[in-house]
């Protein structure tokens, strides 16, 4: 049985439609919103890593909670704030 799911997020309304075959499709406007959100966040680990002279994998481990670094956590938070101001 087809179902429709709508979710309000910071980038507009995202609508998903399940055709009952296990595949979820997105409405055209929603795909653009998702791509824009991804574009803004793309490369965040690389940017933080370059600014702090560490590797992007280390930044990723800090972001995922596998490592602890207050300096990297603060840099990630700052970069996310910068991104949210652009959105």
Protein backbone atom coordinates (compact mmCIF):
# COMPACT_ATOMS: atom_id res chain seq x y z
CA UNK A 1 0.00 0.00 0.00
CA UNK A 2 1.51 3.39 -0.96
CA UNK A 3 2.37 5.74 1.86
CA UNK A 4 3.34 9.38 1.91
CA UNK A 5 5.66 10.89 4.50
CA UNK A 6 6.16 14.64 4.91
CA UNK A 7 8.73 16.17 7.20
CA UNK A 8 9.41 19.85 7.83
CA UNK A 9 13.09 20.68 8.16
CA UNK A 10 15.31 23.74 7.96
CA UNK A 11 15.46 23.53 4.18
CA UNK A 12 11.77 23.44 3.39
CA UNK A 13 9.29 20.62 3.20
CA UNK A 14 10.60 17.21 2.16
CA UNK A 15 8.06 14.76 0.83
CA UNK A 16 8.76 11.07 0.34
CA UNK A 17 6.47 8.63 -1.38
CA UNK A 18 6.69 4.87 -0.95
CA UNK A 19 5.13 3.04 -3.89
CA UNK A 20 4.79 -0.15 -1.89
CA UNK A 21 7.71 -1.74 -3.73
CA UNK A 22 10.26 -0.76 -1.08
CA UNK A 23 11.56 2.18 -3.11
CA UNK A 24 11.20 5.69 -1.73
CA UNK A 25 11.02 8.53 -4.22
CA UNK A 26 11.42 12.24 -3.53
CA UNK A 27 9.44 15.07 -5.05
CA UNK A 28 11.51 17.27 -7.38
CA UNK A 29 11.76 20.31 -5.07
CA UNK A 30 12.84 18.15 -2.16
CA UNK A 31 15.82 16.76 -4.08
CA UNK A 32 17.12 20.26 -4.77
CA UNK A 33 16.80 21.15 -1.09
CA UNK A 34 18.68 18.02 -0.03
CA UNK A 35 21.43 18.63 -2.57
CA UNK A 36 21.84 22.22 -1.40
CA UNK A 37 22.10 21.12 2.24
CA UNK A 38 24.69 18.50 1.27
CA UNK A 39 26.66 21.02 -0.80
CA UNK A 40 26.98 23.36 2.18
CA UNK A 41 28.28 20.57 4.43
CA UNK A 42 30.45 18.89 1.80
CA UNK A 43 34.11 19.11 2.76
CA UNK A 44 33.57 20.26 6.34
CA UNK A 45 36.05 17.73 7.74
CA UNK A 46 38.64 18.69 5.11
CA UNK A 47 38.23 22.42 5.83
CA UNK A 48 38.54 21.95 9.59
CA UNK A 49 41.50 19.60 9.12
CA UNK A 50 43.33 22.06 6.89
CA UNK A 51 42.74 24.93 9.32
CA UNK A 52 44.00 22.87 12.28
CA UNK A 53 46.84 21.04 10.47
CA UNK A 54 45.44 17.56 11.12
CA UNK A 55 44.06 14.87 8.84
CA UNK A 56 40.39 14.77 7.79
CA UNK A 57 40.06 11.24 9.18
CA UNK A 58 41.05 12.54 12.63
CA UNK A 59 38.39 15.26 12.38
CA UNK A 60 35.89 12.57 11.35
CA UNK A 61 36.80 10.42 14.37
CA UNK A 62 36.35 13.41 16.70
CA UNK A 63 32.99 14.23 15.07
CA UNK A 64 31.84 10.63 15.49
CA UNK A 65 32.93 10.48 19.15
CA UNK A 66 35.72 7.97 18.64
CA UNK A 67 38.37 10.53 19.65
CA UNK A 68 38.24 13.56 21.96
CA UNK A 69 39.68 16.97 21.04
CA UNK A 70 38.13 20.16 22.43
CA UNK A 71 40.02 22.19 19.79
CA UNK A 72 38.59 20.16 16.89
CA UNK A 73 35.11 20.08 18.45
CA UNK A 74 35.19 23.87 18.75
CA UNK A 75 36.40 24.22 15.13
CA UNK A 76 33.59 21.93 13.92
CA UNK A 77 31.00 23.94 15.85
CA UNK A 78 32.38 27.17 14.41
CA UNK A 79 32.27 25.80 10.86
CA UNK A 80 28.68 24.59 11.34
CA UNK A 81 27.68 28.05 12.57
CA UNK A 82 29.33 29.57 9.49
CA UNK A 83 27.41 27.18 7.24
CA UNK A 84 24.09 27.86 8.96
CA UNK A 85 24.58 31.59 8.38
CA UNK A 86 25.03 30.94 4.64
CA UNK A 87 21.94 28.73 4.36
